[in-house]
Amino acid sequence: MLFTNTGRVYRLKAYEIPEASRTSRGTAIINLLQLMPEEKITAVIPIEEYKEGEDLFMSTKKGL
């Protein structure tokens, strides 16, 4: 799960990320997700297995 500075959450499955060689430059995250202008990824939380009934709670400092 990828969290942005605007409070949006994106979910990206590992098999959706293109493979690259050791020497390649990789792919920018903006090419994998449809981010809004000025939106940036601020946190990445790996979810091993989603279990129904479990929650993820996120809070901010001073509403930011």
Protein backbone atom coordinates (compact mmCIF):
# COMPACT_ATOMS: atom_id res chain seq x y z
CA MET A 1 0.00 0.00 0.00
CA LEU A 2 1.33 3.40 -0.97
CA PHE A 3 0.24 6.49 0.97
CA THR A 4 0.46 9.99 -0.47
CA ASN A 5 0.85 13.44 0.99
CA THR A 6 -2.80 14.18 0.12
CA GLY A 7 -4.12 11.26 2.16
CA ARG A 8 -4.87 8.93 -0.75
CA VAL A 9 -3.91 5.26 -0.67
CA TYR A 10 -2.89 3.17 -3.67
CA ARG A 11 -2.53 -0.57 -3.77
CA LEU A 12 -0.01 -2.07 -6.16
CA LYS A 13 0.50 -5.81 -6.48
CA ALA A 14 4.07 -7.06 -6.79
CA TYR A 15 3.45 -8.78 -10.12
CA GLU A 16 2.29 -5.44 -11.59
CA ILE A 17 5.77 -3.97 -11.07
CA PRO A 18 7.89 -4.59 -14.18
CA GLU A 19 11.07 -6.60 -13.78
CA ALA A 20 14.38 -4.93 -14.49
CA SER A 21 17.99 -6.00 -14.64
CA ARG A 22 20.56 -5.12 -12.01
CA THR A 23 22.03 -2.36 -14.15
CA SER A 24 18.79 -0.79 -15.41
CA ARG A 25 17.56 2.55 -14.12
CA GLY A 26 14.11 1.23 -13.16
CA THR A 27 10.67 2.74 -13.63
CA ALA A 28 9.37 5.88 -11.96
CA ILE A 29 6.43 5.33 -9.61
CA ILE A 30 4.46 7.99 -11.48
CA ASN A 31 4.43 5.64 -14.48
CA LEU A 32 2.84 2.86 -12.39
CA LEU A 33 0.20 4.91 -10.55
CA GLN A 34 -2.08 7.72 -11.64
CA LEU A 35 -0.96 10.37 -9.17
CA MET A 36 -2.54 13.80 -9.07
CA PRO A 37 -0.34 16.84 -9.81
CA GLU A 38 1.91 17.70 -6.84
CA GLU A 39 1.01 14.37 -5.15
CA LYS A 40 3.95 12.42 -3.73
CA ILE A 41 4.33 9.00 -2.11
CA THR A 42 5.16 9.50 1.57
CA ALA A 43 4.91 5.95 2.96
CA VAL A 44 4.92 2.36 1.75
CA ILE A 45 3.47 -0.39 3.93
CA PRO A 46 3.80 -3.98 2.70
CA ILE A 47 0.70 -6.08 3.21
CA GLU A 48 1.66 -9.75 3.31
CA GLU A 49 -1.85 -11.06 3.33
CA TYR A 50 -5.06 -9.11 3.71
CA LYS A 51 -7.25 -10.57 6.43
CA GLU A 52 -10.85 -9.51 6.73
CA GLY A 53 -11.63 -7.86 10.02
CA GLU A 54 -8.17 -6.32 10.44
CA ASP A 55 -7.80 -2.56 10.10
CA LEU A 56 -5.00 -0.15 9.40
CA PHE A 57 -5.30 3.13 11.30
CA MET A 58 -3.29 6.15 10.23
CA SER A 59 -3.15 9.52 11.95
CA THR A 60 -1.43 12.77 11.12
CA LYS A 61 0.28 15.52 13.04
CA LYS A 62 -1.88 18.66 13.19
CA GLY A 63 -4.11 17.36 10.39
CA LEU A 64 -1.37 17.29 7.76
